[in-house]
Amino acid sequence: MTDRRPTDASGVFAVVAVALAAIMLAVTAAVAAGWIGAPTNQANQQLGDVPGTSPNSDGATADRDADPDVVVQSAAEAMRAVTSVEFELERTGAPVFIDQFERIALDALRGQFTVPNQAQAELTVTVNGNLATKLGAIAIDAEVWISNPVTGDFETLPDGYDIDPSKFFDPENGWRPLLAELRNVELVGIEDRGGDRYHVRGIAPAAQVREITVGLVRNQDVTVDLWIHPATHLVTAAEFTTVIDGAESNWVLALDNYGDVFTINPPENMSS
């Protein structure tokens, strides 16, 4: 199937290279500078507990005879009304690179989103196939900052780059149209995930897949499994598999703490 190079998020590598004042590839410099065990950054400090399925049931019960199309359309409307959410993404399988040099692979991401366009996130990445580190990202309106993995300070992304963490959860332009345009919808079953959840499956169009993966996956329709709360109709989890260069990559997304108040401020070193 089709690939997605060059990625919209190629600015990560460029920012790192500029910060190190090097014109060589940053992998060697990163090892020398000690990227492993990246310093605590503002995004790390502001994030709360990792979202996930609560071990305690919320008592929700689902209609075994529910029409899956109605469930999905109700979810589309509920997601459009979201004001805030905490999200966690885990990715396994074939690497998905966030830089045009294919050196930095995204492994996980967790963060918080609040309307209208504010988000903060921590990205777990692997550099050059064997070096694990973390990057912080903060987006407020049209401004996006990313942390330098050596100093921990945030830097403004150059024009033309796109690693806006708010796009990992965009209820209006991402989730609402994805749900509204889901094809071949089926109700897989009712599953206990801290209470009953509708497990539905459908085919998401390529344009919406690109939106919810921040441009990392392009030009392919994807079969998506969704777990939807029967009372609120909010999506609590999603899973899908993408194919890039003939290799599969598996994505698992958890959504939690809808409506909570999250404080998202500009980076401290950029606000003075």
Protein backbone atom coordinates (compact mmCIF):
# COMPACT_ATOMS: atom_id res chain seq x y z
CA MET A 1 0.00 0.00 0.00
CA THR A 2 1.03 3.63 -0.24
CA ASP A 3 3.49 5.23 2.16
CA ARG A 4 3.60 8.62 3.80
CA ARG A 5 7.01 10.16 3.12
CA PRO A 6 8.04 12.88 3.60
CA THR A 7 6.10 13.35 6.85
CA ASP A 8 4.48 16.58 7.98
CA ALA A 9 6.41 16.18 11.25
CA SER A 10 9.89 16.43 9.76
CA GLY A 11 10.59 19.46 11.92
CA VAL A 12 11.58 17.30 14.90
CA PHE A 13 14.86 16.29 13.37
CA ALA A 14 15.57 19.80 12.10
CA VAL A 15 14.98 21.36 15.51
CA VAL A 16 17.28 18.85 17.20
CA ALA A 17 19.99 19.45 14.63
CA VAL A 18 19.81 23.22 15.04
CA ALA A 19 19.89 22.93 18.81
CA LEU A 20 23.07 20.87 18.63
CA ALA A 21 24.62 23.37 16.20
CA ALA A 22 25.56 20.50 13.93
CA ILE A 23 25.20 19.93 10.24
CA MET A 24 25.80 16.20 10.57
CA LEU A 25 23.02 13.74 11.34
CA ALA A 26 22.01 14.14 14.96
CA VAL A 27 22.15 10.51 15.98
CA THR A 28 25.88 10.45 16.67
CA ALA A 29 25.73 13.79 18.42
CA ALA A 30 22.81 12.63 20.52
CA VAL A 31 24.73 9.65 21.86
CA ALA A 32 27.65 11.88 22.82
CA ALA A 33 25.36 14.45 24.42
CA GLY A 34 23.47 11.85 26.45
CA TRP A 35 19.94 11.78 25.04
CA ILE A 36 19.19 8.64 27.01
CA GLY A 37 17.24 9.64 30.06
CA ALA A 38 16.12 12.92 28.57
CA PRO A 39 15.64 15.72 31.12
CA THR A 40 12.28 16.37 32.65
CA ASN A 41 10.40 18.94 30.60
CA GLN A 42 7.31 21.04 31.12
CA ALA A 43 5.05 18.63 29.26
CA ASN A 44 6.15 15.80 31.57
CA GLN A 45 5.40 17.91 34.63
CA GLN A 46 1.95 19.00 33.50
CA LEU A 47 0.66 15.58 32.43
CA GLY A 48 -1.36 13.67 34.97
CA ASP A 49 -1.85 9.93 35.31
CA VAL A 50 -1.82 7.89 32.16
CA PRO A 51 -5.38 7.32 30.93
CA GLY A 52 -6.78 3.84 30.54
CA THR A 53 -9.56 1.49 31.43
CA SER A 54 -10.60 1.73 35.06
CA PRO A 55 -10.56 -1.58 36.93
CA ASN A 56 -13.91 -0.60 38.47
CA SER A 57 -17.11 -0.80 36.46
CA ASP A 58 -18.99 2.43 35.89
CA GLY A 59 -22.23 0.47 35.69
CA ALA A 60 -22.91 1.30 32.05
CA THR A 61 -25.13 -1.15 30.21
CA ALA A 62 -25.47 -1.45 26.46
CA ASP A 63 -28.35 -2.51 24.23
CA ARG A 64 -27.47 -5.82 22.60
CA ASP A 65 -29.82 -4.99 19.73
CA ALA A 66 -28.43 -1.53 19.04
CA ASP A 67 -28.08 -0.43 15.42
CA PRO A 68 -24.32 0.05 14.86
CA ASP A 69 -24.91 2.89 12.40
CA VAL A 70 -26.95 4.75 15.01
CA VAL A 71 -24.26 4.09 17.64
CA VAL A 72 -21.55 5.51 15.39
CA GLN A 73 -23.58 8.56 14.36
CA SER A 74 -24.36 9.28 18.01
CA ALA A 75 -20.66 8.98 18.75
CA ALA A 76 -19.85 11.46 15.98
CA GLU A 77 -22.13 14.05 17.57
CA ALA A 78 -20.84 13.34 21.08
CA MET A 79 -17.20 13.68 20.00
CA ARG A 80 -17.93 16.99 18.29
CA ALA A 81 -19.12 18.40 21.62
CA VAL A 82 -15.98 17.40 23.54
CA THR A 83 -14.29 20.24 25.43
CA SER A 84 -11.28 18.34 26.81
CA VAL A 85 -9.79 14.86 26.95
CA GLU A 86 -6.69 12.94 27.94
CA PHE A 87 -5.28 10.57 25.35
CA GLU A 88 -2.64 7.87 25.12
CA LEU A 89 -1.30 6.27 21.96
CA GLU A 90 0.90 3.19 21.74
CA ARG A 91 2.36 1.98 18.46
CA THR A 92 4.06 -1.36 17.80
CA GLY A 93 5.23 -3.30 14.78
CA ALA A 94 6.98 -1.69 11.84
CA PRO A 95 8.41 1.73 12.72
CA VAL A 96 6.58 4.92 11.77
CA PHE A 97 9.03 7.77 11.34
CA ILE A 98 8.31 11.38 12.21
CA ASP A 99 11.28 12.85 10.35
CA GLN A 100 12.18 12.95 6.68
CA PHE A 101 15.51 11.19 7.34
CA GLU A 102 13.69 8.18 8.84
CA ARG A 103 15.80 8.25 11.98
CA ILE A 104 13.15 9.03 14.62
CA ALA A 105 10.33 6.50 15.08
CA LEU A 106 7.22 7.22 17.16
CA ASP A 107 6.57 4.55 19.82
CA ALA A 108 4.03 6.22 22.10
CA LEU A 109 2.37 9.50 22.83
CA ARG A 110 0.31 10.71 25.74
CA GLY A 111 -1.20 14.09 26.30
CA GLN A 112 -4.12 16.35 26.99
CA PHE A 113 -6.33 18.40 24.70
CA THR A 114 -8.69 21.27 25.44
CA VAL A 115 -10.78 23.46 23.16
CA PRO A 116 -10.37 25.39 21.05
CA ASN A 117 -6.82 24.43 20.00
CA GLN A 118 -4.62 23.66 22.98
CA ALA A 119 -2.69 20.49 23.66
CA GLN A 120 0.39 19.18 25.39
CA ALA A 121 2.00 15.82 24.84
CA GLU A 122 4.99 13.67 25.60
CA LEU A 123 6.33 11.62 22.69
CA THR A 124 8.34 8.45 23.27
CA VAL A 125 10.61 7.88 20.28
CA THR A 126 13.40 5.59 19.15
CA VAL A 127 16.36 7.19 17.39
CA ASN A 128 18.31 5.21 14.81
CA GLY A 129 16.64 1.97 15.85
CA ASN A 130 18.17 1.66 19.32
CA LEU A 131 18.18 4.93 21.24
CA ALA A 132 15.07 5.63 23.34
CA THR A 133 14.22 9.16 24.43
CA LYS A 134 11.29 11.51 24.97
CA LEU A 135 10.20 14.79 23.43
CA GLY A 136 7.68 17.26 24.79
CA ALA A 137 5.29 19.18 22.56
CA ILE A 138 2.92 22.04 23.39
CA ALA A 139 0.42 23.67 21.02
CA ILE A 140 -1.62 26.78 21.71
CA ASP A 141 -3.66 28.07 18.80
CA ALA A 142 -1.27 28.37 15.83
CA GLU A 143 1.91 28.24 17.95
CA VAL A 144 3.70 24.93 18.44
CA TRP A 145 6.79 24.26 20.54
CA ILE A 146 8.89 21.13 20.91
CA SER A 147 11.49 20.34 23.55
CA ASN A 148 15.17 20.05 22.81
CA PRO A 149 16.11 16.51 23.92
CA VAL A 150 19.49 17.66 25.27
CA THR A 151 18.63 20.84 27.22
CA GLY A 152 14.93 20.21 27.91
CA ASP A 153 14.13 23.74 26.74
CA PHE A 154 11.31 24.28 24.26
CA GLU A 155 11.85 25.81 20.83
CA THR A 156 9.40 27.19 18.30
CA LEU A 157 8.92 24.98 15.27
CA PRO A 158 10.05 26.55 12.01
CA ASP A 159 7.45 27.54 9.43
CA GLY A 160 6.32 24.69 7.22
CA TYR A 161 6.56 21.98 9.85
CA ASP A 162 3.57 20.26 11.42
CA ILE A 163 3.76 18.33 14.68
CA ASP A 164 0.75 19.91 16.36
CA PRO A 165 -0.28 17.53 19.19
CA SER A 166 -3.80 18.96 19.14
CA LYS A 167 -4.33 17.11 15.87
CA PHE A 168 -3.96 13.76 17.60
CA PHE A 169 -7.30 14.64 19.12
CA ASP A 170 -9.36 17.05 17.08
CA PRO A 171 -13.07 16.40 17.69
CA GLU A 172 -14.26 18.70 14.90
CA ASN A 173 -11.84 17.94 12.06
CA GLY A 174 -10.62 14.50 13.12
CA TRP A 175 -12.99 12.35 15.14
CA ARG A 176 -16.37 13.71 14.05
CA PRO A 177 -15.82 13.20 10.30
CA LEU A 178 -14.04 9.89 10.91
CA LEU A 179 -17.07 8.53 12.72
CA ALA A 180 -19.57 10.19 10.40
CA GLU A 181 -17.89 8.75 7.31
CA LEU A 182 -17.12 5.29 8.67
CA ARG A 183 -18.13 2.64 6.12
CA ASN A 184 -19.30 -0.96 6.44
CA VAL A 185 -20.04 -0.49 10.13
CA GLU A 186 -20.72 -3.61 12.20
CA LEU A 187 -21.39 -4.27 15.85
CA VAL A 188 -18.72 -6.76 16.90
CA GLY A 189 -20.23 -7.16 20.35
CA ILE A 190 -20.66 -5.73 23.82
CA GLU A 191 -17.50 -5.84 25.93
CA ASP A 192 -16.77 -5.08 29.57
CA ARG A 193 -14.12 -2.37 29.65
CA GLY A 194 -14.91 -0.78 33.00
CA GLY A 195 -18.61 -1.20 32.16
CA ASP A 196 -20.36 -2.15 28.93
CA ARG A 197 -18.91 -0.69 25.75
CA TYR A 198 -20.12 -1.03 22.18
CA HIS A 199 -17.35 -2.62 20.12
CA VAL A 200 -17.91 -1.47 16.57
CA ARG A 201 -15.79 -1.89 13.47
CA GLY A 202 -15.72 0.00 10.21
CA ILE A 203 -13.52 1.35 7.44
CA ALA A 204 -12.17 4.86 8.00
CA PRO A 205 -11.42 6.95 4.89
CA ALA A 206 -7.81 7.90 4.20
CA ALA A 207 -8.34 11.61 4.80
CA GLN A 208 -9.51 11.04 8.37
CA VAL A 209 -6.78 8.47 9.06
CA ARG A 210 -4.26 11.11 8.08
CA GLU A 211 -5.85 13.62 10.47
CA ILE A 212 -5.84 11.42 13.58
CA THR A 213 -2.24 10.30 12.91
CA VAL A 214 -1.01 13.87 12.29
CA GLY A 215 -0.07 13.06 8.73
CA LEU A 216 2.08 10.07 9.63
CA VAL A 217 -0.21 7.71 7.69
CA ARG A 218 -1.43 8.78 4.28
CA ASN A 219 -3.35 7.52 1.29
CA GLN A 220 -4.88 4.41 2.81
CA ASP A 221 -8.30 3.49 4.10
CA VAL A 222 -8.01 1.67 7.42
CA THR A 223 -10.25 -0.75 9.30
CA VAL A 224 -10.80 0.70 12.77
CA ASP A 225 -12.10 -0.98 15.92
CA LEU A 226 -13.83 1.43 18.31
CA TRP A 227 -15.16 1.07 21.83
CA ILE A 228 -18.01 3.48 22.56
CA HIS A 229 -19.65 4.25 25.90
CA PRO A 230 -23.38 3.38 25.71
CA ALA A 231 -24.54 6.32 27.82
CA THR A 232 -22.28 9.18 26.69
CA HIS A 233 -21.49 7.75 23.22
CA LEU A 234 -17.92 8.95 23.67
CA VAL A 235 -15.12 6.86 22.18
CA THR A 236 -13.04 5.32 24.97
CA ALA A 237 -10.59 3.32 22.83
CA ALA A 238 -9.60 2.64 19.26
CA GLU A 239 -7.32 0.17 17.53
CA PHE A 240 -6.18 -0.05 13.92
CA THR A 241 -3.37 -1.38 11.75
CA THR A 242 -1.65 0.53 8.98
CA VAL A 243 0.66 -0.69 6.23
CA ILE A 244 3.72 1.32 5.24
CA ASP A 245 6.23 -0.05 2.72
CA GLY A 246 4.55 -3.44 2.99
CA ALA A 247 4.99 -3.71 6.78
CA GLU A 248 2.27 -3.51 9.41
CA SER A 249 2.19 -1.05 12.29
CA ASN A 250 -0.34 -1.45 15.10
CA TRP A 251 -1.92 1.55 16.84
CA VAL A 252 -3.78 1.46 20.19
CA LEU A 253 -5.45 4.63 21.45
CA ALA A 254 -7.10 5.18 24.84
CA LEU A 255 -9.27 8.24 25.60
CA ASP A 256 -10.23 9.21 29.13
CA ASN A 257 -11.02 12.06 31.53
CA TYR A 258 -13.40 13.84 29.16
CA GLY A 259 -14.39 17.27 30.43
CA ASP A 260 -11.58 17.59 32.97
CA VAL A 261 -9.82 20.92 33.36
CA PHE A 262 -6.25 20.83 32.05
CA THR A 263 -3.82 23.73 32.43
CA ILE A 264 -1.87 24.19 29.22
CA ASN A 265 0.56 27.10 29.24
CA PRO A 266 3.29 28.23 26.86
CA PRO A 267 6.71 26.78 27.72
CA GLU A 268 8.29 28.56 30.66
CA ASN A 269 11.47 29.37 28.75
CA MET A 270 9.41 30.88 25.88
CA SER A 271 7.03 33.02 27.97
CA SER A 272 9.54 35.51 29.33
